Protein backbone atom coordinates (compact mmCIF):
# COMPACT_ATOMS: atom_id res chain seq x y z
CA MET A 1 118.95 95.14 104.17
CA ASN A 2 121.69 97.33 102.73
CA VAL A 3 121.09 101.02 103.25
CA MET A 4 122.83 101.89 100.07
CA SER A 5 120.43 99.78 98.01
CA ASN A 6 117.39 101.63 99.54
CA PRO A 7 118.34 105.36 100.09
CA THR A 8 114.85 106.30 101.20
CA ALA A 9 115.06 103.93 104.22
CA SER A 10 117.66 106.08 105.78
CA ARG A 11 115.60 109.18 105.44
CA PHE A 12 112.37 107.76 107.02
CA PRO A 13 113.43 108.65 110.62
CA GLN A 14 114.27 112.15 109.58
CA ARG A 15 110.96 112.69 107.67
CA ALA A 16 109.01 111.26 110.63
CA ALA A 17 110.69 113.60 113.01
CA LEU A 18 110.09 116.56 110.72
CA ALA A 19 106.47 115.67 110.33
CA LEU A 20 106.03 115.44 114.08
CA LEU A 21 107.79 118.77 114.52
CA ILE A 22 105.55 120.56 112.08
CA GLY A 23 102.43 118.96 113.62
CA ALA A 24 103.44 120.09 117.08
CA VAL A 25 104.20 123.74 115.87
CA ALA A 26 100.85 123.85 114.18
CA ALA A 27 99.01 122.59 117.24
CA THR A 28 100.73 125.01 119.39
CA ALA A 29 100.03 128.01 117.11
CA ALA A 30 96.25 126.91 116.95
CA CYS A 31 96.02 126.88 120.77
CA ASN A 32 97.87 130.20 121.12
CA SER A 33 95.53 131.90 118.51
CA THR A 34 92.40 130.67 120.27
CA LYS A 35 93.41 132.34 123.48
CA ARG A 36 94.29 135.63 121.71
CA GLU A 37 90.82 135.70 119.96
CA ASN A 38 89.25 136.37 123.41
CA ARG A 39 91.26 139.43 124.07
CA LEU A 40 90.19 142.89 123.22
CA LEU A 41 92.45 145.95 123.05
CA PHE A 42 90.92 149.06 124.56
CA GLY A 43 92.98 152.07 125.80
CA GLY A 44 96.14 150.19 125.24
CA HIS A 45 95.20 147.36 127.44
CA PHE A 46 94.23 143.82 126.55
CA PHE A 47 91.09 142.61 128.29
CA PRO A 48 90.16 138.91 128.13
CA VAL A 49 86.45 138.80 127.37
CA LYS A 50 84.08 135.84 127.26
CA ALA A 51 80.44 136.01 126.31
CA LYS A 52 78.14 133.04 126.78
CA PRO A 53 74.45 132.13 127.13
CA VAL A 54 73.04 131.99 130.64
CA ASP A 55 71.05 128.86 129.66
CA LYS A 56 71.65 127.66 126.14
CA LYS A 57 69.00 125.00 126.30
CA ALA A 58 66.27 127.63 126.92
CA THR A 59 67.56 130.49 124.70
CA LEU A 60 70.72 132.03 123.45
CA SER A 61 69.37 135.55 123.70
CA VAL A 62 70.03 136.04 127.46
CA PHE A 63 73.78 136.07 127.95
CA THR A 64 76.61 137.20 130.22
CA VAL A 65 79.86 138.89 129.28
CA THR A 66 82.86 138.52 131.65
CA VAL A 67 85.77 140.94 131.37
CA ASP A 68 88.98 140.04 133.11
CA LYS A 69 91.82 142.38 134.37
CA VAL A 70 89.44 145.25 135.16
CA SER A 71 92.01 146.84 137.35
CA GLN A 72 93.95 147.91 134.26
CA SER A 73 91.35 150.55 133.37
CA PHE A 74 87.70 150.46 134.66
CA ASP A 75 86.25 152.57 131.75
CA ASP A 76 88.21 150.60 129.10
CA ALA A 77 87.02 147.36 130.68
CA ARG A 78 83.40 148.53 130.48
CA GLU A 79 83.88 149.30 126.70
CA ALA A 80 85.49 145.87 126.18
CA GLY A 81 82.45 144.27 127.81
CA ARG A 82 80.17 146.39 125.56
CA HIS A 83 82.01 145.10 122.46
CA GLY A 84 81.86 141.54 123.72
CA GLY A 85 78.19 141.74 124.09
CA ILE A 86 77.65 143.37 120.62
CA SER A 87 79.85 140.78 119.06
CA TYR A 88 77.88 137.96 120.70
CA CYS A 89 74.43 139.27 119.63
CA ILE A 90 75.57 139.86 116.02
CA ALA A 91 76.96 136.41 115.80
CA ASN A 92 73.79 134.85 117.15
CA TYR A 93 71.02 137.16 116.22
CA GLY A 94 72.46 139.44 113.49
CA SER A 95 71.69 142.53 115.42
CA SER A 96 73.70 144.64 117.79
CA LYS A 97 70.65 145.74 119.77
CA ILE A 98 70.99 144.74 123.44
CA ASP A 99 68.69 145.22 126.41
CA TRP A 100 71.20 145.29 129.27
CA GLN A 101 70.08 144.23 132.66
CA VAL A 102 73.50 145.06 134.09
CA GLY A 103 75.73 146.61 131.44
CA PRO A 104 78.39 149.10 130.40
CA ASP A 105 76.08 152.04 131.12
CA SER A 106 74.88 150.90 134.51
CA GLU A 107 75.81 152.85 137.60
CA PRO A 108 79.13 151.72 139.08
CA ALA A 109 77.39 150.56 142.30
CA GLN A 110 75.15 148.14 140.23
CA LEU A 111 78.18 146.50 138.43
CA ARG A 112 79.03 142.94 139.36
CA ILE A 113 82.72 142.97 140.13
CA GLU A 114 84.43 140.02 141.83
CA GLY A 115 88.21 139.91 142.22
CA ASP A 116 89.53 141.41 138.93
CA LYS A 117 86.52 140.37 136.82
CA MET A 118 83.43 142.28 135.80
CA THR A 119 80.28 140.61 134.60
CA PHE A 120 77.47 142.06 132.49
CA GLN A 121 74.13 140.53 131.68
CA GLY A 122 71.94 141.34 128.60
CA THR A 123 69.33 140.05 126.15
CA CYS A 124 69.91 140.27 122.44
CA GLN A 125 67.08 141.95 120.63
CA ARG A 126 65.96 140.76 117.16
CA PRO A 127 66.28 143.32 114.43
């Protein structure tokens, strides 16, 4: 087939490459934003925070919050954990009320710290 008689035939590889490039950029941006959503800024430091139920088959109300990079600032990491717990309870129960078993106001000796991670455990209270 003569390329001159069908000008769109010569553009197909360029368009396909452009579509693949746009798709790759969009996928990379989506992955990057997901990681950043789990980081909280306190005291000028970013703390990766993850809240999840202890046993989601039994109940979502009992949860843990893990804060990474505690060595940056112990007090700011505690506040990042508090925020993570409050966000979790609001999302799942519509209330910021939490009964902390081990939480941001616990004595330092009671806190669970392994490596550079601190873990709190709490129970969301209904409004």
